[in-house]
């Protein structure tokens, strides 16, 4: 495989569906422990200011999510997932939007944090990686 020899983590062959693309992105994310996740809007000064503010939002959201999981507060956890789903793409983090939607969908299907645990944990991990990576974008 020339792609893998060149350093590619994964290869997506054509034709592909939206679902196969998202699944491939998740697989790469899992293999690399998410690595550094950068925003698609980073690069200019105004974007940097907005992304720093968004990092603060994510840090607070992460604390609320962990508390809601601990207290089994499905209603407020669902509201938090909605906020993340709505804000991810706006700040250049499409994977955050997709992952929040996955967690929200599973929570809506099961009405149980325990049964949604895999999706919830994926979202928590991704938020942690976005927070960790956002400080590196300033370098």
N, C-alpha and C. Protein backbone atom coordinates (compact mmCIF):
# COMPACT_ATOMS: atom_id res chain seq x y z
N UNK A 1 0.83 -1.19 0.00
CA UNK A 1 0.00 0.00 0.00
C UNK A 1 0.87 1.25 0.00
N UNK A 2 0.82 2.00 -1.05
CA UNK A 2 1.61 3.24 -1.13
C UNK A 2 1.15 4.27 -0.11
N UNK A 3 -0.15 4.31 0.14
CA UNK A 3 -0.68 5.29 1.11
C UNK A 3 -0.14 5.05 2.50
N UNK A 4 -0.15 3.81 2.92
CA UNK A 4 0.35 3.49 4.27
C UNK A 4 1.86 3.69 4.34
N UNK A 5 2.58 3.38 3.26
CA UNK A 5 4.02 3.61 3.23
C UNK A 5 4.34 5.10 3.34
N UNK A 6 3.42 5.93 2.84
CA UNK A 6 3.61 7.37 2.90
C UNK A 6 3.21 7.96 4.25
N UNK A 7 2.67 7.11 5.14
CA UNK A 7 2.34 7.58 6.49
C UNK A 7 0.86 7.76 6.77
N UNK A 8 0.00 7.34 5.85
CA UNK A 8 -1.45 7.47 6.08
C UNK A 8 -1.89 6.53 7.19
N UNK A 9 -2.81 7.02 8.04
CA UNK A 9 -3.36 6.20 9.12
C UNK A 9 -4.43 5.26 8.60
N UNK A 10 -5.16 5.71 7.58
CA UNK A 10 -6.26 4.93 7.03
C UNK A 10 -6.47 5.33 5.58
N UNK A 11 -7.13 4.45 4.85
CA UNK A 11 -7.43 4.72 3.45
C UNK A 11 -8.92 4.55 3.26
N UNK A 12 -9.54 5.53 2.64
CA UNK A 12 -10.96 5.47 2.33
C UNK A 12 -11.09 5.38 0.82
N UNK A 13 -11.59 4.25 0.35
CA UNK A 13 -11.69 4.05 -1.09
C UNK A 13 -13.00 4.61 -1.62
N UNK A 14 -12.99 4.99 -2.87
CA UNK A 14 -14.20 5.51 -3.52
C UNK A 14 -14.96 4.37 -4.16
N UNK A 15 -16.24 4.44 -4.32
CA UNK A 15 -17.11 5.47 -3.74
C UNK A 15 -17.32 5.20 -2.26
N UNK A 16 -17.61 6.25 -1.50
CA UNK A 16 -17.84 6.08 -0.07
C UNK A 16 -19.12 6.81 0.31
N UNK A 17 -19.70 6.36 1.42
CA UNK A 17 -20.91 6.97 1.93
C UNK A 17 -20.56 7.85 3.11
N UNK A 18 -21.48 8.70 3.50
CA UNK A 18 -21.27 9.55 4.67
C UNK A 18 -20.97 8.68 5.89
N UNK A 19 -21.71 7.59 6.04
CA UNK A 19 -21.53 6.71 7.18
C UNK A 19 -20.15 6.06 7.18
N UNK A 20 -19.67 5.61 6.02
CA UNK A 20 -18.35 5.00 5.98
C UNK A 20 -17.26 6.02 6.28
N UNK A 21 -17.46 7.26 5.84
CA UNK A 21 -16.49 8.33 6.13
C UNK A 21 -16.44 8.60 7.63
N UNK A 22 -17.59 8.73 8.25
CA UNK A 22 -17.63 9.00 9.69
C UNK A 22 -17.03 7.83 10.47
N UNK A 23 -17.36 6.60 10.07
CA UNK A 23 -16.80 5.44 10.75
C UNK A 23 -15.28 5.38 10.59
N UNK A 24 -14.79 5.74 9.42
CA UNK A 24 -13.34 5.78 9.21
C UNK A 24 -12.68 6.83 10.09
N UNK A 25 -13.34 7.99 10.20
CA UNK A 25 -12.80 9.05 11.06
C UNK A 25 -12.77 8.60 12.52
N UNK A 26 -13.80 7.91 12.94
CA UNK A 26 -13.84 7.40 14.31
C UNK A 26 -12.72 6.38 14.53
N UNK A 27 -12.50 5.52 13.56
CA UNK A 27 -11.47 4.50 13.68
C UNK A 27 -10.09 5.14 13.81
N UNK A 28 -9.82 6.13 12.99
CA UNK A 28 -8.53 6.82 13.07
C UNK A 28 -8.42 7.54 14.41
N UNK A 29 -9.51 8.17 14.83
CA UNK A 29 -9.53 8.85 16.12
C UNK A 29 -9.20 7.88 17.24
N UNK A 30 -9.77 6.70 17.21
CA UNK A 30 -9.52 5.69 18.25
C UNK A 30 -8.08 5.19 18.21
N UNK A 31 -7.54 4.99 17.02
CA UNK A 31 -6.18 4.48 16.86
C UNK A 31 -5.14 5.47 17.36
N UNK A 32 -5.38 6.73 17.14
CA UNK A 32 -4.39 7.76 17.48
C UNK A 32 -4.65 8.38 18.83
N UNK A 33 -5.66 7.86 19.56
CA UNK A 33 -6.07 8.46 20.83
C UNK A 33 -6.40 9.93 20.60
N UNK A 34 -6.98 10.19 19.45
CA UNK A 34 -7.45 11.49 18.99
C UNK A 34 -6.33 12.43 18.58
N UNK A 35 -5.12 12.21 19.03
CA UNK A 35 -4.02 13.07 18.61
C UNK A 35 -4.36 14.53 18.81
N UNK A 36 -3.76 15.39 18.02
CA UNK A 36 -4.08 16.80 18.10
C UNK A 36 -5.25 17.10 17.18
N UNK A 37 -6.26 17.69 17.73
CA UNK A 37 -7.45 18.03 16.97
C UNK A 37 -7.46 19.54 16.79
N UNK A 38 -7.44 19.98 15.55
CA UNK A 38 -7.43 21.42 15.29
C UNK A 38 -8.72 21.85 14.64
N UNK A 39 -9.07 23.09 14.88
CA UNK A 39 -10.27 23.66 14.30
C UNK A 39 -10.05 23.99 12.84
N UNK A 40 -11.10 23.82 12.06
CA UNK A 40 -11.02 24.19 10.64
C UNK A 40 -11.01 25.70 10.44
N UNK A 41 -11.33 26.48 11.49
CA UNK A 41 -11.35 27.94 11.34
C UNK A 41 -10.12 28.61 11.93
N UNK A 42 -9.21 27.81 12.51
CA UNK A 42 -8.03 28.42 13.12
C UNK A 42 -7.15 29.05 12.05
N UNK A 43 -6.38 30.02 12.46
CA UNK A 43 -5.46 30.61 11.50
C UNK A 43 -5.40 32.12 11.55
N UNK A 44 -6.52 32.78 11.83
CA UNK A 44 -6.44 34.23 11.94
C UNK A 44 -6.69 34.68 13.38
N UNK A 45 -6.43 35.94 13.65
CA UNK A 45 -6.50 36.45 15.03
C UNK A 45 -7.91 36.37 15.59
N UNK A 46 -8.91 36.77 14.79
CA UNK A 46 -10.29 36.72 15.28
C UNK A 46 -10.73 35.29 15.60
N UNK A 47 -10.33 34.36 14.76
CA UNK A 47 -10.66 32.96 15.01
C UNK A 47 -10.00 32.50 16.29
N UNK A 48 -8.76 32.92 16.52
CA UNK A 48 -8.04 32.53 17.74
C UNK A 48 -8.75 33.00 18.99
N UNK A 49 -9.27 34.22 18.96
CA UNK A 49 -10.01 34.76 20.11
C UNK A 49 -11.28 33.93 20.33
N UNK A 50 -12.00 33.65 19.27
CA UNK A 50 -13.23 32.86 19.37
C UNK A 50 -12.94 31.45 19.88
N UNK A 51 -11.87 30.85 19.40
CA UNK A 51 -11.53 29.49 19.81
C UNK A 51 -11.10 29.43 21.27
N UNK A 52 -10.42 30.46 21.76
CA UNK A 52 -10.07 30.49 23.18
C UNK A 52 -11.32 30.59 24.05
N UNK A 53 -12.28 31.40 23.61
CA UNK A 53 -13.56 31.49 24.33
C UNK A 53 -14.29 30.15 24.28
N UNK A 54 -14.24 29.49 23.14
CA UNK A 54 -14.90 28.19 23.00
C UNK A 54 -14.23 27.14 23.89
N UNK A 55 -12.93 27.24 24.05
CA UNK A 55 -12.24 26.32 24.95
C UNK A 55 -12.79 26.45 26.36
N UNK A 56 -13.02 27.68 26.81
CA UNK A 56 -13.62 27.90 28.13
C UNK A 56 -15.01 27.30 28.23
N UNK A 57 -15.79 27.46 27.16
CA UNK A 57 -17.12 26.84 27.10
C UNK A 57 -17.01 25.33 27.22
N UNK A 58 -16.07 24.73 26.50
CA UNK A 58 -15.90 23.28 26.53
C UNK A 58 -15.46 22.79 27.91
N UNK A 59 -14.58 23.54 28.56
CA UNK A 59 -14.13 23.15 29.90
C UNK A 59 -15.31 23.11 30.87
N UNK A 60 -16.17 24.12 30.81
CA UNK A 60 -17.35 24.16 31.67
C UNK A 60 -18.34 23.06 31.29
N UNK A 61 -18.51 22.83 30.00
CA UNK A 61 -19.42 21.77 29.54
C UNK A 61 -18.94 20.41 30.03
N UNK A 62 -17.64 20.19 29.97
CA UNK A 62 -17.07 18.92 30.42
C UNK A 62 -17.36 18.68 31.91
N UNK A 63 -17.21 19.72 32.71
CA UNK A 63 -17.52 19.59 34.14
C UNK A 63 -18.99 19.27 34.36
N UNK A 64 -19.87 19.96 33.61
CA UNK A 64 -21.30 19.70 33.75
C UNK A 64 -21.65 18.28 33.30
N UNK A 65 -21.06 17.83 32.19
CA UNK A 65 -21.35 16.48 31.70
C UNK A 65 -20.93 15.45 32.73
N UNK A 66 -19.76 15.60 33.28
CA UNK A 66 -19.29 14.63 34.28
C UNK A 66 -20.21 14.62 35.51
N UNK A 67 -20.65 15.80 35.92
CA UNK A 67 -21.56 15.88 37.07
C UNK A 67 -22.91 15.23 36.73
N UNK A 68 -23.42 15.49 35.54
CA UNK A 68 -24.71 14.92 35.14
C UNK A 68 -24.65 13.41 34.99
N UNK A 69 -23.53 12.90 34.51
CA UNK A 69 -23.35 11.45 34.43
C UNK A 69 -23.34 10.87 35.85
N UNK A 70 -22.60 11.52 36.73
CA UNK A 70 -22.48 11.04 38.11
C UNK A 70 -23.84 11.03 38.82
N UNK A 71 -24.66 12.05 38.60
CA UNK A 71 -25.96 12.14 39.26
C UNK A 71 -27.09 11.52 38.44
N UNK A 72 -26.73 10.97 37.27
CA UNK A 72 -27.70 10.34 36.37
C UNK A 72 -28.82 11.31 35.95
N UNK A 73 -28.43 12.54 35.66
CA UNK A 73 -29.34 13.60 35.25
C UNK A 73 -29.49 13.59 33.72
N UNK A 74 -30.36 12.73 33.23
CA UNK A 74 -30.53 12.53 31.78
C UNK A 74 -31.01 13.80 31.09
N UNK A 75 -31.93 14.53 31.71
CA UNK A 75 -32.50 15.72 31.08
C UNK A 75 -31.45 16.78 30.82
N UNK A 76 -30.65 17.12 31.81
CA UNK A 76 -29.61 18.14 31.62
C UNK A 76 -28.45 17.63 30.79
N UNK A 77 -28.16 16.34 30.87
CA UNK A 77 -27.12 15.77 30.02
C UNK A 77 -27.52 15.89 28.55
N UNK A 78 -28.78 15.61 28.28
CA UNK A 78 -29.30 15.75 26.92
C UNK A 78 -29.16 17.20 26.42
N UNK A 79 -29.47 18.15 27.29
CA UNK A 79 -29.34 19.57 26.92
C UNK A 79 -27.88 19.93 26.62
N UNK A 80 -26.97 19.35 27.38
CA UNK A 80 -25.54 19.61 27.15
C UNK A 80 -25.11 19.05 25.80
N UNK A 81 -25.59 17.85 25.46
CA UNK A 81 -25.27 17.25 24.17
C UNK A 81 -25.81 18.11 23.03
N UNK A 82 -27.00 18.66 23.21
CA UNK A 82 -27.57 19.55 22.20
C UNK A 82 -26.69 20.78 21.99
N UNK A 83 -26.20 21.37 23.07
CA UNK A 83 -25.31 22.54 22.95
C UNK A 83 -24.03 22.19 22.21
N UNK A 84 -23.44 21.04 22.53
CA UNK A 84 -22.21 20.63 21.86
C UNK A 84 -22.47 20.33 20.38
N UNK A 85 -23.57 19.65 20.11
CA UNK A 85 -23.91 19.34 18.72
C UNK A 85 -24.10 20.62 17.92
N UNK A 86 -24.73 21.60 18.52
CA UNK A 86 -24.98 22.86 17.82
C UNK A 86 -23.77 23.75 17.66
N UNK A 87 -22.80 23.61 18.55
CA UNK A 87 -21.66 24.54 18.52
C UNK A 87 -20.43 23.98 17.83
N UNK A 88 -20.28 22.68 17.76
CA UNK A 88 -19.05 22.08 17.24
C UNK A 88 -18.67 22.56 15.85
N UNK A 89 -19.58 22.43 14.91
CA UNK A 89 -19.29 22.81 13.53
C UNK A 89 -19.06 24.32 13.42
N UNK A 90 -19.79 25.11 14.20
CA UNK A 90 -19.63 26.57 14.15
C UNK A 90 -18.21 27.00 14.48
N UNK A 91 -17.55 26.22 15.32
CA UNK A 91 -16.18 26.54 15.71
C UNK A 91 -15.16 25.67 14.98
N UNK A 92 -15.59 24.98 13.95
CA UNK A 92 -14.67 24.23 13.12
C UNK A 92 -14.38 22.82 13.58
N UNK A 93 -15.19 22.30 14.48
CA UNK A 93 -14.99 20.94 15.00
C UNK A 93 -16.17 20.06 14.57
N UNK A 94 -16.18 19.64 13.32
CA UNK A 94 -17.28 18.81 12.81
C UNK A 94 -17.39 17.48 13.54
N UNK A 95 -16.25 16.89 13.87
CA UNK A 95 -16.27 15.61 14.58
C UNK A 95 -16.95 15.75 15.94
N UNK A 96 -16.80 16.89 16.58
CA UNK A 96 -17.47 17.13 17.85
C UNK A 96 -18.99 17.14 17.66
N UNK A 97 -19.45 17.77 16.59
CA UNK A 97 -20.88 17.78 16.29
C UNK A 97 -21.40 16.37 16.04
N UNK A 98 -20.68 15.60 15.26
CA UNK A 98 -21.10 14.23 14.93
C UNK A 98 -21.11 13.35 16.19
N UNK A 99 -20.08 13.47 17.00
CA UNK A 99 -19.97 12.64 18.20
C UNK A 99 -21.03 13.03 19.23
N UNK A 100 -21.30 14.32 19.37
CA UNK A 100 -22.37 14.76 20.28
C UNK A 100 -23.72 14.26 19.78
N UNK A 101 -23.91 14.28 18.47
CA UNK A 101 -25.17 13.77 17.91
C UNK A 101 -25.32 12.27 18.18
N UNK A 102 -24.23 11.52 18.05
CA UNK A 102 -24.27 10.08 18.34
C UNK A 102 -24.68 9.84 19.80
N UNK A 103 -24.08 10.60 20.72
CA UNK A 103 -24.40 10.43 22.14
C UNK A 103 -25.85 10.83 22.41
N UNK A 104 -26.29 11.90 21.79
CA UNK A 104 -27.67 12.35 21.96
C UNK A 104 -28.66 11.32 21.41
N UNK A 105 -28.37 10.79 20.24
CA UNK A 105 -29.25 9.79 19.63
C UNK A 105 -29.36 8.55 20.51
N UNK A 106 -28.23 8.08 21.02
CA UNK A 106 -28.25 6.89 21.87
C UNK A 106 -29.00 7.17 23.17
N UNK A 107 -28.79 8.33 23.75
CA UNK A 107 -29.49 8.69 24.98
C UNK A 107 -31.00 8.79 24.73
N UNK A 108 -31.39 9.35 23.60
CA UNK A 108 -32.81 9.44 23.26
C UNK A 108 -33.42 8.07 23.02
N UNK A 109 -32.65 7.15 22.48
CA UNK A 109 -33.15 5.80 22.21
C UNK A 109 -33.30 4.98 23.49
N UNK A 110 -32.40 5.16 24.43
CA UNK A 110 -32.35 4.30 25.61
C UNK A 110 -32.89 4.94 26.89
N UNK A 111 -32.87 6.26 26.95
CA UNK A 111 -33.22 7.00 28.17
C UNK A 111 -32.39 6.54 29.36
N UNK A 112 -31.18 6.07 29.06
CA UNK A 112 -30.31 5.53 30.10
C UNK A 112 -28.86 5.94 29.85
N UNK A 113 -28.26 6.51 30.88
CA UNK A 113 -26.85 6.88 30.77
C UNK A 113 -25.99 5.62 30.69
N UNK A 114 -26.33 4.61 31.48
CA UNK A 114 -25.57 3.36 31.45
C UNK A 114 -25.58 2.72 30.06
N UNK A 115 -26.74 2.69 29.43
CA UNK A 115 -26.84 2.07 28.10
C UNK A 115 -26.24 2.94 27.01
N UNK A 116 -26.00 4.21 27.31
CA UNK A 116 -25.39 5.15 26.36
C UNK A 116 -23.93 5.38 26.69
N UNK A 117 -23.39 4.60 27.58
CA UNK A 117 -22.06 4.87 28.15
C UNK A 117 -20.95 4.95 27.09
N UNK A 118 -20.96 4.07 26.12
CA UNK A 118 -19.92 4.08 25.09
C UNK A 118 -19.91 5.41 24.35
N UNK A 119 -21.08 5.87 23.91
CA UNK A 119 -21.17 7.13 23.18
C UNK A 119 -20.84 8.33 24.07
N UNK A 120 -21.30 8.27 25.32
CA UNK A 120 -21.00 9.35 26.27
C UNK A 120 -19.49 9.43 26.52
N UNK A 121 -18.86 8.29 26.73
CA UNK A 121 -17.42 8.27 26.97
C UNK A 121 -16.64 8.75 25.75
N UNK A 122 -17.09 8.40 24.55
CA UNK A 122 -16.42 8.89 23.33
C UNK A 122 -16.50 10.41 23.25
N UNK A 123 -17.67 10.95 23.60
CA UNK A 123 -17.82 12.40 23.56
C UNK A 123 -16.93 13.06 24.62
N UNK A 124 -16.92 12.52 25.81
CA UNK A 124 -16.05 13.07 26.87
C UNK A 124 -14.59 13.04 26.43
N UNK A 125 -14.14 11.93 25.88
CA UNK A 125 -12.76 11.81 25.40
C UNK A 125 -12.46 12.84 24.33
N UNK A 126 -13.39 13.01 23.40
CA UNK A 126 -13.18 13.97 22.32
C UNK A 126 -13.10 15.39 22.86
N UNK A 127 -14.01 15.75 23.77
CA UNK A 127 -13.98 17.09 24.36
C UNK A 127 -12.65 17.32 25.06
N UNK A 128 -12.18 16.33 25.81
CA UNK A 128 -10.88 16.44 26.48
C UNK A 128 -9.76 16.67 25.47
N UNK A 129 -9.80 15.96 24.35
CA UNK A 129 -8.76 16.11 23.33
C UNK A 129 -8.84 17.45 22.62
N UNK A 130 -10.04 17.95 22.39
CA UNK A 130 -10.18 19.28 21.78
C UNK A 130 -9.62 20.33 22.73
N UNK A 131 -9.95 20.23 24.01
CA UNK A 131 -9.43 21.18 25.00
C UNK A 131 -7.90 21.12 25.04
N UNK A 132 -7.36 19.92 25.10
CA UNK A 132 -5.90 19.76 25.16
C UNK A 132 -5.22 20.28 23.90
N UNK A 133 -5.85 20.06 22.75
CA UNK A 133 -5.25 20.48 21.49
C UNK A 133 -5.40 21.96 21.23
N UNK A 134 -6.43 22.58 21.78
CA UNK A 134 -6.67 23.99 21.46
C UNK A 134 -5.57 24.89 22.00
N UNK A 135 -4.93 24.52 23.08
CA UNK A 135 -3.80 25.30 23.57
C UNK A 135 -2.61 25.20 22.64
N UNK A 136 -2.49 24.09 21.92
CA UNK A 136 -1.36 23.88 21.00
C UNK A 136 -1.52 24.67 19.71
N UNK A 137 -2.78 25.05 19.38
CA UNK A 137 -3.00 25.82 18.14
C UNK A 137 -2.38 27.20 18.23
N UNK A 138 -2.21 27.71 19.45
CA UNK A 138 -1.64 29.05 19.63
C UNK A 138 -0.14 29.05 19.39
N UNK A 139 0.51 27.89 19.49
CA UNK A 139 1.98 27.81 19.36
C UNK A 139 2.46 28.15 17.98
